Amino acid sequence: MLYTLDVGAFEQTLIQQAMAAGQPIPERIANAPRLLPGLDLYLNDFFDLDSERTHGFSLSPIPWQSIFNYGKAWDFDKEQLDDLIYFVRKLDLAHLNRLRKKQEADNAKKPVRPSRKAR
């Protein structure tokens, strides 16, 4: 999932550009992670459920109830529902960690404004 979010959307363009320039395919793309058969279902489910999180003042996980209702809407049986909850939670945790790191890096780049008292 992290690969898909970082590079996946641009993968084909980068491959075409490298080939047109007579350059090797970038190592990150050539050695891209591959999902085991069947796991793409959970990745797609995660992307569907991503819009279910609340957008307040901080990053928040996808609500458990949203994952559960999604599985029920698609007629997942008990075992499939357990797997859905497990995999979506794992993907969500990795995604939130990625966003937190990006947010921290962005905040570190922002200039600090002096307080009114310092003027």
Protein backbone atom coordinates (compact mmCIF):
# COMPACT_ATOMS: atom_id res chain seq x y z
CA MET A 1 0.00 0.00 0.00
CA LEU A 2 2.76 2.44 0.87
CA TYR A 3 4.42 1.73 -2.46
CA THR A 4 1.13 2.32 -4.27
CA LEU A 5 0.64 5.64 -2.52
CA ASP A 6 4.21 6.83 -3.07
CA VAL A 7 5.12 5.54 -6.54
CA GLY A 8 2.41 3.28 -7.90
CA ALA A 9 0.36 5.99 -9.58
CA PHE A 10 3.38 7.19 -11.56
CA GLU A 11 4.95 3.79 -12.21
CA GLN A 12 3.98 3.38 -15.86
CA THR A 13 4.97 6.95 -16.72
CA LEU A 14 8.38 6.50 -15.08
CA ILE A 15 8.96 3.20 -16.89
CA GLN A 16 8.07 4.79 -20.25
CA GLN A 17 10.31 7.78 -19.60
CA ALA A 18 13.25 5.57 -18.60
CA MET A 19 12.82 3.39 -21.69
CA ALA A 20 12.51 6.42 -23.99
CA ALA A 21 15.72 7.87 -22.52
CA GLY A 22 17.54 4.53 -22.81
CA GLN A 23 17.90 4.39 -19.03
CA PRO A 24 17.29 1.43 -16.76
CA ILE A 25 13.98 1.20 -14.94
CA PRO A 26 14.38 2.85 -11.52
CA GLU A 27 15.39 0.32 -8.86
CA ARG A 28 12.41 1.14 -6.68
CA ILE A 29 10.07 0.16 -9.52
CA ALA A 30 12.08 -2.82 -10.74
CA ASN A 31 12.09 -4.22 -7.18
CA ALA A 32 8.57 -3.14 -6.29
CA PRO A 33 6.73 -5.23 -3.72
CA ARG A 34 4.14 -7.62 -5.09
CA LEU A 35 0.99 -8.62 -3.28
CA LEU A 36 0.29 -12.28 -2.78
CA PRO A 37 -2.72 -13.52 -4.76
CA GLY A 38 -5.98 -12.47 -3.14
CA LEU A 39 -4.57 -9.68 -0.98
CA ASP A 40 -5.41 -7.02 -3.57
CA LEU A 41 -9.01 -7.42 -2.39
CA TYR A 42 -8.09 -5.96 1.00
CA LEU A 43 -6.02 -3.17 -0.52
CA ASN A 44 -9.00 -2.15 -2.66
CA ASP A 45 -11.28 -2.41 0.37
CA PHE A 46 -8.90 -0.15 2.30
CA PHE A 47 -9.03 2.49 -0.42
CA ASP A 48 -12.85 2.26 -0.46
CA LEU A 49 -12.98 2.69 3.32
CA ASP A 50 -10.44 5.51 3.47
CA SER A 51 -13.23 8.06 3.03
CA GLU A 52 -14.97 6.78 6.18
CA ARG A 53 -12.46 8.31 8.60
CA THR A 54 -13.39 11.50 10.41
CA HIS A 55 -11.44 14.57 9.41
CA GLY A 56 -11.01 16.69 12.48
CA PHE A 57 -7.94 18.36 13.87
CA SER A 58 -5.84 15.20 13.89
CA LEU A 59 -5.34 12.01 11.94
CA SER A 60 -7.88 9.36 12.85
CA PRO A 61 -8.27 5.69 11.97
CA ILE A 62 -11.06 4.24 9.89
CA PRO A 63 -13.83 3.40 12.38
CA TRP A 64 -14.20 -0.29 13.19
CA GLN A 65 -17.94 -0.05 12.59
CA SER A 66 -17.35 1.23 9.05
CA ILE A 67 -15.13 -1.76 8.28
CA PHE A 68 -17.68 -4.15 9.79
CA ASN A 69 -20.60 -2.60 7.88
CA TYR A 70 -18.61 -2.68 4.64
CA GLY A 71 -17.95 -6.41 5.08
CA LYS A 72 -21.60 -7.07 5.86
CA ALA A 73 -22.72 -5.06 2.81
CA TRP A 74 -20.54 -7.31 0.64
CA ASP A 75 -21.85 -10.48 2.36
CA PHE A 76 -18.52 -11.46 3.91
CA ASP A 77 -18.81 -14.53 6.10
CA LYS A 78 -17.34 -14.55 9.64
CA GLU A 79 -13.84 -15.60 8.56
CA GLN A 80 -13.73 -13.13 5.67
CA LEU A 81 -14.99 -10.37 7.95
CA ASP A 82 -12.27 -11.14 10.50
CA ASP A 83 -9.67 -11.01 7.72
CA LEU A 84 -11.11 -7.76 6.37
CA ILE A 85 -10.92 -6.09 9.78
CA TYR A 86 -7.39 -7.38 10.36
CA PHE A 87 -5.97 -6.30 7.00
CA VAL A 88 -7.74 -2.94 6.80
CA ARG A 89 -6.55 -2.11 10.34
CA LYS A 90 -2.96 -3.02 9.43
CA LEU A 91 -3.09 -0.97 6.23
CA ASP A 92 -4.68 1.93 8.05
CA LEU A 93 -2.00 1.91 10.76
CA ALA A 94 0.77 1.95 8.14
CA HIS A 95 -1.00 4.75 6.26
CA LEU A 96 -1.49 6.86 9.41
CA ASN A 97 2.16 6.40 10.38
CA ARG A 98 3.18 7.52 6.89
CA LEU A 99 0.95 10.60 7.12
CA ARG A 100 2.25 11.47 10.61
CA LYS A 101 5.84 11.34 9.42
CA LYS A 102 4.98 13.51 6.43
CA GLN A 103 3.12 15.95 8.67
CA GLU A 104 6.08 16.15 11.08
CA ALA A 105 8.49 16.76 8.19
CA ASP A 106 6.22 19.47 6.76
CA ASN A 107 5.89 21.14 10.18
CA ALA A 108 9.67 21.11 10.64
CA LYS A 109 10.02 23.07 7.38
CA LYS A 110 7.55 25.80 8.38
CA PRO A 111 9.10 29.02 9.66
CA VAL A 112 8.32 29.82 13.28
CA ARG A 113 6.42 33.06 13.70
CA PRO A 114 7.55 35.26 16.57
CA SER A 115 5.01 35.85 19.30
CA ARG A 116 3.46 39.28 19.75
CA LYS A 117 5.30 39.73 23.06
CA ALA A 118 8.69 39.32 21.35
CA ARG A 119 8.06 42.35 19.12
